[in-house]
Amino acid sequence: MSETPRPQRPVFPEPPAAPSPAAAPPTLTAPPTKQRRWRDDLHLAHTIANKVDSLTLARFDAGNFTVETKSDLTPVTEADKEAERVIREQLGRARGRDSVLGEELPTTGHSSRQWVIDPIDGTKNFVRGVPVWATLIGLIEDGQCVVGLVSAPALGRRWWAVSGGGAWTGRSLSSARRLSVSGVDDLTRASMSYSSLSGWAQTKRLRGMLGLMQSCWRTRAYGDFWSYMLVAEGAVDLAAEPELELYDMTALVPVVTEAGGRFTSLDGEPGPFGGNAVASNSLLHDVALHHLSAETD
């Protein structure tokens, strides 16, 4: 039996000075100087992702990496570390005054602008040859997630958003389409995604999670960044995880919220700061939080 061919590597050209008229975002509500800066930040994130995609996809296709186990028992490869070094080097050249927080290396800088990066989200998939992994590049300014980019080269997909400018996906900026969450307003018609049930048991929240899942029409473990991008695309209505780090979530928040969704902690705190996540099409958010607030196991 012949092997199924891998998806062709997408080509993301260097970002233009401004989006094409067909993909022009609405006017941003932030001051014009911030609007311009955030757009420049997004273009920079695309440029960096182009470089990192070439590195990580080549390693993935070749299977050319060794796997180590970190103190938290999660895997890490030299591809993770090399990708993060590349991102940090590029940010250091272009945004030397900004802080950088990443998964594999120490935080640098002290600034109201902090880049938050996960070089390979879904490392367990990466090491097993599963193409569902991505590089996450996000920017927090004054406590708000203002730029997010998620690039999954093995899937041939990329998603991005800038605060006030909508959420987009495409193989290039010039062929992007705008994202919008679903209009499903009843759990009995809702599709939900998660990563695994073991984390819910470990955090003693399994009862509430199972109750929510049983109330939904359909549940699937798409996992990691993929769950949240499907919410932004309107293909899934809910996603939740019980334990996450800031670098797992920052890039996802603008994409979900600019698509019309909500992104909070299990306690309802907006943004990526609560150590866990619920993302939804907004219509189902409160009822999902109610289920997940059930008495602990």
C-alpha atoms as a PDB file:
ATOM      1  CA  MET A   1       0.000   0.000   0.000  1.00  0.00           C
ATOM      2  CA  SER A   2       1.440   3.364  -0.962  1.00  0.00           C
ATOM      3  CA  GLU A   3       1.932   5.986   1.713  1.00  0.00           C
ATOM      4  CA  THR A   4      -0.463   8.900   1.904  1.00  0.00           C
ATOM      5  CA  PRO A   5       1.494  11.956   0.723  1.00  0.00           C
ATOM      6  CA  ARG A   6       2.110  14.730   3.205  1.00  0.00           C
ATOM      7  CA  PRO A   7       0.432  18.058   2.535  1.00  0.00           C
ATOM      8  CA  GLN A   8       2.498  20.378   0.378  1.00  0.00           C
ATOM      9  CA  ARG A   9       4.380  22.999   2.320  1.00  0.00           C
ATOM     10  CA  PRO A  10       2.422  26.264   2.198  1.00  0.00           C
ATOM     11  CA  VAL A  11       4.182  29.376   1.029  1.00  0.00           C
ATOM     12  CA  PHE A  12       3.536  32.471   3.096  1.00  0.00           C
ATOM     13  CA  PRO A  13       5.124  35.429   1.330  1.00  0.00           C
ATOM     14  CA  GLU A  14       6.617  38.315   3.222  1.00  0.00           C
ATOM     15  CA  PRO A  15       3.677  40.378   4.499  1.00  0.00           C
ATOM     16  CA  PRO A  16       2.782  43.411   2.408  1.00  0.00           C
ATOM     17  CA  ALA A  17       2.685  46.894   3.870  1.00  0.00           C
ATOM     18  CA  ALA A  18      -1.101  46.653   4.112  1.00  0.00           C
ATOM     19  CA  PRO A  19      -3.746  43.946   3.542  1.00  0.00           C
ATOM     20  CA  SER A  20      -5.302  43.633   0.124  1.00  0.00           C
ATOM     21  CA  PRO A  21      -8.684  45.360  -0.316  1.00  0.00           C
ATOM     22  CA  ALA A  22     -10.502  42.015  -0.304  1.00  0.00           C
ATOM     23  CA  ALA A  23      -9.123  41.171   3.123  1.00  0.00           C
ATOM     24  CA  ALA A  24      -9.061  44.651   4.661  1.00  0.00           C
ATOM     25  CA  PRO A  25      -9.986  44.575   8.342  1.00  0.00           C
ATOM     26  CA  PRO A  26     -12.441  47.018   9.858  1.00  0.00           C
ATOM     27  CA  THR A  27     -11.215  50.227  11.434  1.00  0.00           C
ATOM     28  CA  LEU A  28      -9.538  49.575  14.761  1.00  0.00           C
ATOM     29  CA  THR A  29     -10.797  51.342  17.857  1.00  0.00           C
ATOM     30  CA  ALA A  30      -7.336  51.794  19.391  1.00  0.00           C
ATOM     31  CA  PRO A  31      -5.392  55.039  18.785  1.00  0.00           C
ATOM     32  CA  PRO A  32      -3.950  55.214  15.241  1.00  0.00           C
ATOM     33  CA  THR A  33      -0.369  54.917  16.464  1.00  0.00           C
ATOM     34  CA  LYS A  34      -1.186  51.641  18.222  1.00  0.00           C
ATOM     35  CA  GLN A  35      -3.126  50.387  15.222  1.00  0.00           C
ATOM     36  CA  ARG A  36      -0.103  50.881  13.009  1.00  0.00           C
ATOM     37  CA  ARG A  37       2.265  49.350  15.542  1.00  0.00           C
ATOM     38  CA  TRP A  38       0.102  46.270  16.022  1.00  0.00           C
ATOM     39  CA  ARG A  39      -0.180  45.760  12.266  1.00  0.00           C
ATOM     40  CA  ASP A  40       3.595  46.013  12.041  1.00  0.00           C
ATOM     41  CA  ASP A  41       3.860  43.518  14.902  1.00  0.00           C
ATOM     42  CA  LEU A  42       1.584  41.114  13.030  1.00  0.00           C
ATOM     43  CA  HIS A  43       3.655  41.446   9.859  1.00  0.00           C
ATOM     44  CA  LEU A  44       6.757  40.701  11.917  1.00  0.00           C
ATOM     45  CA  ALA A  45       5.075  37.618  13.402  1.00  0.00           C
ATOM     46  CA  HIS A  46       4.320  36.361   9.873  1.00  0.00           C
ATOM     47  CA  THR A  47       7.916  36.904   8.807  1.00  0.00           C
ATOM     48  CA  ILE A  48       9.214  35.021  11.838  1.00  0.00           C
ATOM     49  CA  ALA A  49       6.703  32.196  11.342  1.00  0.00           C
ATOM     50  CA  ASN A  50       7.846  31.783   7.731  1.00  0.00           C
ATOM     51  CA  LYS A  51      11.388  31.191   8.942  1.00  0.00           C
ATOM     52  CA  VAL A  52      10.397  28.885  11.796  1.00  0.00           C
ATOM     53  CA  ASP A  53       8.026  26.838   9.621  1.00  0.00           C
ATOM     54  CA  SER A  54      10.893  25.944   7.294  1.00  0.00           C
ATOM     55  CA  LEU A  55      12.936  24.713  10.231  1.00  0.00           C
ATOM     56  CA  THR A  56      10.268  22.741  12.084  1.00  0.00           C
ATOM     57  CA  LEU A  57       8.654  21.185   9.022  1.00  0.00           C
ATOM     58  CA  ALA A  58      12.010  19.985   7.710  1.00  0.00           C
ATOM     59  CA  ARG A  59      12.732  18.337  11.070  1.00  0.00           C
ATOM     60  CA  PHE A  60       9.233  16.826  11.208  1.00  0.00           C
ATOM     61  CA  ASP A  61       9.393  15.433   7.664  1.00  0.00           C
ATOM     62  CA  ALA A  62      12.823  13.907   8.258  1.00  0.00           C
ATOM     63  CA  GLY A  63      12.120  12.680  11.782  1.00  0.00           C
ATOM     64  CA  ASN A  64      15.534  14.146  12.522  1.00  0.00           C
ATOM     65  CA  PHE A  65      15.418  14.966  16.224  1.00  0.00           C
ATOM     66  CA  THR A  66      16.045  13.507  19.650  1.00  0.00           C
ATOM     67  CA  VAL A  67      13.471  13.613  22.430  1.00  0.00           C
ATOM     68  CA  GLU A  68      14.207  14.561  26.030  1.00  0.00           C
ATOM     69  CA  THR A  69      11.852  14.518  29.011  1.00  0.00           C
ATOM     70  CA  LYS A  70      11.497  17.717  31.039  1.00  0.00           C
ATOM     71  CA  SER A  71      10.987  17.877  34.792  1.00  0.00           C
ATOM     72  CA  ASP A  72       7.206  18.028  34.286  1.00  0.00           C
ATOM     73  CA  LEU A  73       7.453  14.763  32.279  1.00  0.00           C
ATOM     74  CA  THR A  74       6.529  16.454  28.987  1.00  0.00           C
ATOM     75  CA  PRO A  75       8.719  15.879  25.918  1.00  0.00           C
ATOM     76  CA  VAL A  76      11.001  18.438  24.301  1.00  0.00           C
ATOM     77  CA  THR A  77      13.106  18.147  21.159  1.00  0.00           C
ATOM     78  CA  GLU A  78      16.025  20.161  19.858  1.00  0.00           C
ATOM     79  CA  ALA A  79      13.567  21.402  17.221  1.00  0.00           C
ATOM     80  CA  ASP A  80      11.575  23.100  20.011  1.00  0.00           C
ATOM     81  CA  LYS A  81      14.699  24.755  21.376  1.00  0.00           C
ATOM     82  CA  GLU A  82      16.080  25.763  17.994  1.00  0.00           C
ATOM     83  CA  ALA A  83      12.738  27.225  16.914  1.00  0.00           C
ATOM     84  CA  GLU A  84      12.486  29.280  20.092  1.00  0.00           C
ATOM     85  CA  ARG A  85      16.029  30.575  19.635  1.00  0.00           C
ATOM     86  CA  VAL A  86      15.181  31.680  16.096  1.00  0.00           C
ATOM     87  CA  ILE A  87      12.055  33.500  17.280  1.00  0.00           C
ATOM     88  CA  ARG A  88      13.940  35.221  20.080  1.00  0.00           C
ATOM     89  CA  GLU A  89      16.769  36.278  17.766  1.00  0.00           C
ATOM     90  CA  GLN A  90      14.319  37.823  15.305  1.00  0.00           C
ATOM     91  CA  LEU A  91      12.391  39.599  18.055  1.00  0.00           C
ATOM     92  CA  GLY A  92      15.642  40.810  19.593  1.00  0.00           C
ATOM     93  CA  ARG A  93      16.622  42.464  16.333  1.00  0.00           C
ATOM     94  CA  ALA A  94      13.242  44.006  15.542  1.00  0.00           C
ATOM     95  CA  ARG A  95      11.740  44.597  19.005  1.00  0.00           C
ATOM     96  CA  GLY A  96      14.757  44.761  21.287  1.00  0.00           C
ATOM     97  CA  ARG A  97      12.954  46.707  24.014  1.00  0.00           C
ATOM     98  CA  ASP A  98      10.117  44.188  24.348  1.00  0.00           C
ATOM     99  CA  SER A  99      10.004  41.354  26.877  1.00  0.00           C
ATOM    100  CA  VAL A 100       9.892  37.753  25.651  1.00  0.00           C
ATOM    101  CA  LEU A 101       8.364  34.788  27.501  1.00  0.00           C
ATOM    102  CA  GLY A 102       8.680  31.327  26.007  1.00  0.00           C
ATOM    103  CA  GLU A 103       8.284  27.684  26.914  1.00  0.00           C
ATOM    104  CA  GLU A 104      11.868  26.512  26.655  1.00  0.00           C
ATOM    105  CA  LEU A 105      14.094  29.463  27.631  1.00  0.00           C
ATOM    106  CA  PRO A 106      14.068  32.041  30.458  1.00  0.00           C
ATOM    107  CA  THR A 107      11.991  35.211  30.211  1.00  0.00           C
ATOM    108  CA  THR A 108      13.934  38.253  29.055  1.00  0.00           C
ATOM    109  CA  GLY A 109      13.246  41.965  29.446  1.00  0.00           C
ATOM    110  CA  HIS A 110      10.828  44.057  31.473  1.00  0.00           C
ATOM    111  CA  SER A 111       8.280  45.901  29.373  1.00  0.00           C
ATOM    112  CA  SER A 112       4.554  46.584  29.076  1.00  0.00           C
ATOM    113  CA  ARG A 113       4.889  44.782  25.729  1.00  0.00           C
ATOM    114  CA  GLN A 114       5.622  41.074  26.078  1.00  0.00           C
ATOM    115  CA  TRP A 115       5.866  38.529  23.288  1.00  0.00           C
ATOM    116  CA  VAL A 116       4.663  35.104  24.433  1.00  0.00           C
ATOM    117  CA  ILE A 117       5.784  32.170  22.306  1.00  0.00           C
ATOM    118  CA  ASP A 118       5.413  28.417  22.110  1.00  0.00           C
ATOM    119  CA  PRO A 119       7.818  27.144  19.447  1.00  0.00           C
ATOM    120  CA  ILE A 120       5.968  23.844  18.997  1.00  0.00           C
ATOM    121  CA  ASP A 121       2.556  23.503  20.591  1.00  0.00           C
ATOM    122  CA  GLY A 122       1.720  19.817  20.400  1.00  0.00           C
ATOM    123  CA  THR A 123       5.205  18.374  20.860  1.00  0.00           C
ATOM    124  CA  LYS A 124       3.739  14.954  21.683  1.00  0.00           C
ATOM    125  CA  ASN A 125       2.114  14.933  18.249  1.00  0.00           C
ATOM    126  CA  PHE A 126       5.310  16.210  16.640  1.00  0.00           C
ATOM    127  CA  VAL A 127       7.449  13.377  18.016  1.00  0.00           C
ATOM    128  CA  ARG A 128       4.908  10.706  16.988  1.00  0.00           C
ATOM    129  CA  GLY A 129       4.516  11.968  13.423  1.00  0.00           C
ATOM    130  CA  VAL A 130       1.033  13.431  13.936  1.00  0.00           C
ATOM    131  CA  PRO A 131       0.775  16.667  11.907  1.00  0.00           C
ATOM    132  CA  VAL A 132      -1.330  18.561  14.471  1.00  0.00           C
ATOM    133  CA  TRP A 133       1.269  20.924  15.954  1.00  0.00           C
ATOM    134  CA  ALA A 134       1.922  24.617  15.555  1.00  0.00           C
ATOM    135  CA  THR A 135       4.121  27.571  16.391  1.00  0.00           C
ATOM    136  CA  LEU A 136       2.321  30.135  18.550  1.00  0.00           C
ATOM    137  CA  ILE A 137       3.384  33.798  18.567  1.00  0.00           C
ATOM    138  CA  GLY A 138       1.384  36.231  20.685  1.00  0.00           C
ATOM    139  CA  LEU A 139       1.826  39.762  21.988  1.00  0.00           C
ATOM    140  CA  ILE A 140       0.489  41.175  25.253  1.00  0.00           C
ATOM    141  CA  GLU A 141       0.477  44.951  25.650  1.00  0.00           C
ATOM    142  CA  ASP A 142      -0.620  46.577  28.895  1.00  0.00           C
ATOM    143  CA  GLY A 143      -2.224  43.323  30.010  1.00  0.00           C
ATOM    144  CA  GLN A 144      -4.227  42.758  26.806  1.00  0.00           C
ATOM    145  CA  CYS A 145      -3.621  40.146  24.094  1.00  0.00           C
ATOM    146  CA  VAL A 146      -3.352  42.313  20.977  1.00  0.00           C
ATOM    147  CA  VAL A 147      -1.676  40.082  18.371  1.00  0.00           C
ATOM    148  CA  GLY A 148      -1.912  36.347  17.815  1.00  0.00           C
ATOM    149  CA  LEU A 149      -0.531  34.065  15.119  1.00  0.00           C
ATOM    150  CA  VAL A 150      -0.821  30.279  14.923  1.00  0.00           C
ATOM    151  CA  SER A 151       1.115  28.515  12.172  1.00  0.00           C
ATOM    152  CA  ALA A 152       0.674  24.789  11.525  1.00  0.00           C
ATOM    153  CA  PRO A 153       2.911  24.027   8.531  1.00  0.00           C
ATOM    154  CA  ALA A 154       2.321  20.261   8.492  1.00  0.00           C
ATOM    155  CA  LEU A 155      -1.392  20.998   8.067  1.00  0.00           C
ATOM    156  CA  GLY A 156      -0.760  23.775   5.563  1.00  0.00           C
ATOM    157  CA  ARG A 157      -2.713  26.177   7.773  1.00  0.00           C
ATOM    158  CA  ARG A 158      -2.179  29.526   9.478  1.00  0.00           C
ATOM    159  CA  TRP A 159      -4.474  31.734  11.550  1.00  0.00           C
ATOM    160  CA  TRP A 160      -3.911  35.273  12.814  1.00  0.00           C
ATOM    161  CA  ALA A 161      -5.572  38.281  14.420  1.00  0.00           C
ATOM    162  CA  VAL A 162      -4.819  41.783  15.619  1.00  0.00           C
ATOM    163  CA  SER A 163      -6.961  43.532  18.217  1.00  0.00           C
ATOM    164  CA  GLY A 164      -9.904  45.220  16.535  1.00  0.00           C
ATOM    165  CA  GLY A 165      -8.978  43.912  13.093  1.00  0.00           C
ATOM    166  CA  GLY A 166     -10.791  40.599  12.874  1.00  0.00           C
ATOM    167  CA  ALA A 167      -9.461  37.041  12.747  1.00  0.00           C
ATOM    168  CA  TRP A 168      -8.201  35.510   9.520  1.00  0.00           C
ATOM    169  CA  THR A 169      -6.897  32.304   7.998  1.00  0.00           C
ATOM    170  CA  GLY A 170      -5.283  31.416   4.711  1.00  0.00           C
ATOM    171  CA  ARG A 171      -2.246  30.141   2.879  1.00  0.00           C
ATOM    172  CA  SER A 172      -1.125  33.748   2.434  1.00  0.00           C
ATOM    173  CA  LEU A 173      -2.206  37.215   3.513  1.00  0.00           C
ATOM    174  CA  SER A 174      -3.412  38.016   0.006  1.00  0.00           C
ATOM    175  CA  SER A 175      -5.799  35.038  -0.045  1.00  0.00           C
ATOM    176  CA  ALA A 176      -7.034  35.243   3.539  1.00  0.00           C
ATOM    177  CA  ARG A 177     -10.620  34.716   4.581  1.00  0.00           C
ATOM    178  CA  ARG A 178     -12.202  36.175   7.677  1.00  0.00           C
ATOM    179  CA  LEU A 179     -13.194  33.874  10.533  1.00  0.00           C
ATOM    180  CA  SER A 180     -16.482  33.860  12.409  1.00  0.00           C
ATOM    181  CA  VAL A 181     -17.703  31.664  15.237  1.00  0.00           C
ATOM    182  CA  SER A 182     -20.869  29.595  14.982  1.00  0.00           C
ATOM    183  CA  GLY A 183     -24.384  30.668  15.902  1.00  0.00           C
ATOM    184  CA  VAL A 184     -25.236  27.515  17.878  1.00  0.00           C
ATOM    185  CA  ASP A 185     -27.029  28.551  21.064  1.00  0.00           C
ATOM    186  CA  ASP A 186     -28.045  25.218  22.612  1.00  0.00           C
ATOM    187  CA  LEU A 187     -25.758  22.541  24.043  1.00  0.00           C
ATOM    188  CA  THR A 188     -27.911  19.809  22.524  1.00  0.00           C
ATOM    189  CA  ARG A 189     -26.742  21.044  19.112  1.00  0.00           C
ATOM    190  CA  ALA A 190     -23.199  21.931  20.156  1.00  0.00           C
ATOM    191  CA  SER A 191     -19.886  20.355  19.189  1.00  0.00           C
ATOM    192  CA  MET A 192     -17.161  20.426  21.836  1.00  0.00           C
ATOM    193  CA  SER A 193     -13.426  19.740  21.672  1.00  0.00           C
ATOM    194  CA  TYR A 194     -10.916  18.945  24.404  1.00  0.00           C
ATOM    195  CA  SER A 195      -7.429  17.425  24.738  1.00  0.00           C
ATOM    196  CA  SER A 196      -7.823  14.538  27.195  1.00  0.00           C
ATOM    197  CA  LEU A 197      -9.803  13.550  30.269  1.00  0.00           C
ATOM    198  CA  SER A 198      -6.791  12.721  32.438  1.00  0.00           C
ATOM    199  CA  GLY A 199      -6.079  16.365  33.201  1.00  0.00           C
ATOM    200  CA  TRP A 200      -9.643  16.925  34.355  1.00  0.00           C
ATOM    201  CA  ALA A 201      -9.323  13.993  36.747  1.00  0.00           C
ATOM    202  CA  GLN A 202      -5.969  15.222  38.052  1.00  0.00           C
ATOM    203  CA  THR A 203      -7.396  18.680  38.783  1.00  0.00           C
ATOM    204  CA  LYS A 204     -10.523  17.142  40.355  1.00  0.00           C
ATOM    205  CA  ARG A 205     -12.823  18.765  37.803  1.00  0.00           C
ATOM    206  CA  LEU A 206     -13.827  15.623  35.924  1.00  0.00           C
ATOM    207  CA  ARG A 207     -17.417  15.595  37.192  1.00  0.00           C
ATOM    208  CA  GLY A 208     -18.216  19.003  35.741  1.00  0.00           C
ATOM    209  CA  MET A 209     -16.447  18.226  32.481  1.00  0.00           C
ATOM    210  CA  LEU A 210     -18.324  14.959  31.999  1.00  0.00           C
ATOM    211  CA  GLY A 211     -21.595  16.720  32.723  1.00  0.00           C
ATOM    212  CA  LEU A 212     -20.840  19.302  30.049  1.00  0.00           C
ATOM    213  CA  MET A 213     -19.793  16.647  27.543  1.00  0.00           C
ATOM    214  CA  GLN A 214     -22.949  14.627  28.149  1.00  0.00           C
ATOM    215  CA  SER A 215     -25.029  17.741  27.502  1.00  0.00           C
ATOM    216  CA  CYS A 216     -23.390  18.386  24.127  1.00  0.00           C
ATOM    217  CA  TRP A 217     -24.466  16.902  20.820  1.00  0.00           C
ATOM    218  CA  ARG A 218     -20.917  15.871  19.869  1.00  0.00           C
ATOM    219  CA  THR A 219     -17.517  15.741  21.574  1.00  0.00           C
ATOM    220  CA  ARG A 220     -14.116  15.070  20.040  1.00  0.00           C
ATOM    221  CA  ALA A 221     -10.550  15.351  21.356  1.00  0.00           C
ATOM    222  CA  TYR A 222      -9.016  17.464  18.597  1.00  0.00           C
ATOM    223  CA  GLY A 223      -6.644  18.876  21.190  1.00  0.00           C
ATOM    224  CA  ASP A 224      -4.107  21.644  21.714  1.00  0.00           C
ATOM    225  CA  PHE A 225      -4.302  24.769  19.511  1.00  0.00           C
ATOM    226  CA  TRP A 226      -6.491  22.936  16.993  1.00  0.00           C
ATOM    227  CA  SER A 227      -9.510  22.953  19.325  1.00  0.00           C
ATOM    228  CA  TYR A 228      -9.435  26.738  19.603  1.00  0.00           C
ATOM    229  CA  MET A 229      -8.876  27.414  15.926  1.00  0.00           C
ATOM    230  CA  LEU A 230     -11.909  25.236  15.171  1.00  0.00           C
ATOM    231  CA  VAL A 231     -13.939  27.389  17.569  1.00  0.00           C
ATOM    232  CA  ALA A 232     -12.773  30.503  15.716  1.00  0.00           C
ATOM    233  CA  GLU A 233     -13.701  28.901  12.384  1.00  0.00           C
ATOM    234  CA  GLY A 234     -17.195  27.983  13.595  1.00  0.00           C
ATOM    235  CA  ALA A 235     -16.557  24.259  13.102  1.00  0.00           C
ATOM    236  CA  VAL A 236     -16.633  23.648  16.865  1.00  0.00           C
ATOM    237  CA  ASP A 237     -18.691  25.572  19.413  1.00  0.00           C
ATOM    238  CA  LEU A 238     -16.783  24.944  22.663  1.00  0.00           C
ATOM    239  CA  ALA A 239     -13.279  24.014  23.790  1.00  0.00           C
ATOM    240  CA  ALA A 240     -11.867  23.633  27.291  1.00  0.00           C
ATOM    241  CA  GLU A 241      -8.704  22.520  29.065  1.00  0.00           C
ATOM    242  CA  PRO A 242      -8.017  22.284  32.818  1.00  0.00           C
ATOM    243  CA  GLU A 243      -4.293  23.076  32.890  1.00  0.00           C
ATOM    244  CA  LEU A 244      -2.462  25.451  30.563  1.00  0.00           C
ATOM    245  CA  GLU A 245       0.449  27.878  30.640  1.00  0.00           C
ATOM    246  CA  LEU A 246       0.472  31.451  29.386  1.00  0.00           C
ATOM    247  CA  TYR A 247       2.494  30.437  26.326  1.00  0.00           C
ATOM    248  CA  ASP A 248      -0.155  27.831  25.440  1.00  0.00           C
ATOM    249  CA  MET A 249      -2.912  30.439  25.255  1.00  0.00           C
ATOM    250  CA  THR A 250      -1.739  33.968  24.442  1.00  0.00           C
ATOM    251  CA  ALA A 251      -1.654  33.601  20.651  1.00  0.00           C
ATOM    252  CA  LEU A 252      -5.038  31.853  20.663  1.00  0.00           C
ATOM    253  CA  VAL A 253      -6.951  34.581  22.493  1.00  0.00           C
ATOM    254  CA  PRO A 254      -7.024  37.260  19.745  1.00  0.00           C
ATOM    255  CA  VAL A 255      -7.975  34.706  17.095  1.00  0.00           C
ATOM    256  CA  VAL A 256     -10.943  33.415  19.117  1.00  0.00           C
ATOM    257  CA  THR A 257     -12.169  36.793  20.352  1.00  0.00           C
ATOM    258  CA  GLU A 258     -11.727  38.611  17.035  1.00  0.00           C
ATOM    259  CA  ALA A 259     -13.797  35.850  15.425  1.00  0.00           C
ATOM    260  CA  GLY A 260     -16.614  36.751  17.832  1.00  0.00           C
ATOM    261  CA  GLY A 261     -15.909  34.201  20.552  1.00  0.00           C
ATOM    262  CA  ARG A 262     -15.052  34.361  24.235  1.00  0.00           C
ATOM    263  CA  PHE A 263     -11.907  33.080  25.905  1.00  0.00           C
ATOM    264  CA  THR A 264     -11.744  32.852  29.696  1.00  0.00           C
ATOM    265  CA  SER A 265     -10.466  30.733  32.538  1.00  0.00           C
ATOM    266  CA  LEU A 266     -12.747  28.123  34.106  1.00  0.00           C
ATOM    267  CA  ASP A 267     -13.588  30.808  36.673  1.00  0.00           C
ATOM    268  CA  GLY A 268     -14.638  33.251  33.965  1.00  0.00           C
ATOM    269  CA  GLU A 269     -11.550  35.479  34.030  1.00  0.00           C
ATOM    270  CA  PRO A 270     -11.047  36.926  30.518  1.00  0.00           C
ATOM    271  CA  GLY A 271      -7.836  36.150  28.686  1.00  0.00           C
ATOM    272  CA  PRO A 272      -5.026  33.628  29.179  1.00  0.00           C
ATOM    273  CA  PHE A 273      -4.114  34.416  32.774  1.00  0.00           C
ATOM    274  CA  GLY A 274      -6.079  31.837  34.793  1.00  0.00           C
ATOM    275  CA  GLY A 275      -4.047  28.673  34.185  1.00  0.00           C
ATOM    276  CA  ASN A 276      -6.850  26.954  32.235  1.00  0.00           C
ATOM    277  CA  ALA A 277      -9.244  27.804  29.436  1.00  0.00           C
ATOM    278  CA  VAL A 278     -12.760  27.795  28.094  1.00  0.00           C
ATOM    279  CA  ALA A 279     -13.327  29.105  24.576  1.00  0.00           C
ATOM    280  CA  SER A 280     -16.710  29.366  22.945  1.00  0.00           C
ATOM    281  CA  ASN A 281     -18.842  31.046  20.325  1.00  0.00           C
ATOM    282  CA  SER A 282     -19.957  33.411  23.153  1.00  0.00           C
ATOM    283  CA  LEU A 283     -23.551  32.127  23.079  1.00  0.00           C
ATOM    284  CA  LEU A 284     -22.683  28.961  25.028  1.00  0.00           C
ATOM    285  CA  HIS A 285     -20.037  30.391  27.323  1.00  0.00           C
ATOM    286  CA  ASP A 286     -22.025  31.019  30.484  1.00  0.00           C
ATOM    287  CA  VAL A 287     -23.763  27.651  30.431  1.00  0.00           C
ATOM    288  CA  ALA A 288     -20.403  25.941  29.867  1.00  0.00           C
ATOM    289  CA  LEU A 289     -18.901  27.774  32.841  1.00  0.00           C
ATOM    290  CA  HIS A 290     -21.896  26.730  34.932  1.00  0.00           C
ATOM    291  CA  HIS A 291     -21.307  23.053  34.136  1.00  0.00           C
ATOM    292  CA  LEU A 292     -17.582  23.317  34.793  1.00  0.00           C
ATOM    293  CA  SER A 293     -18.146  24.985  38.162  1.00  0.00           C
ATOM    294  CA  ALA A 294     -19.809  21.828  39.494  1.00  0.00           C
ATOM    295  CA  GLU A 295     -18.535  20.476  42.803  1.00  0.00           C
ATOM    296  CA  THR A 296     -15.067  19.000  42.526  1.00  0.00           C
ATOM    297  CA  ASP A 297     -14.586  15.231  42.466  1.00  0.00           C
END
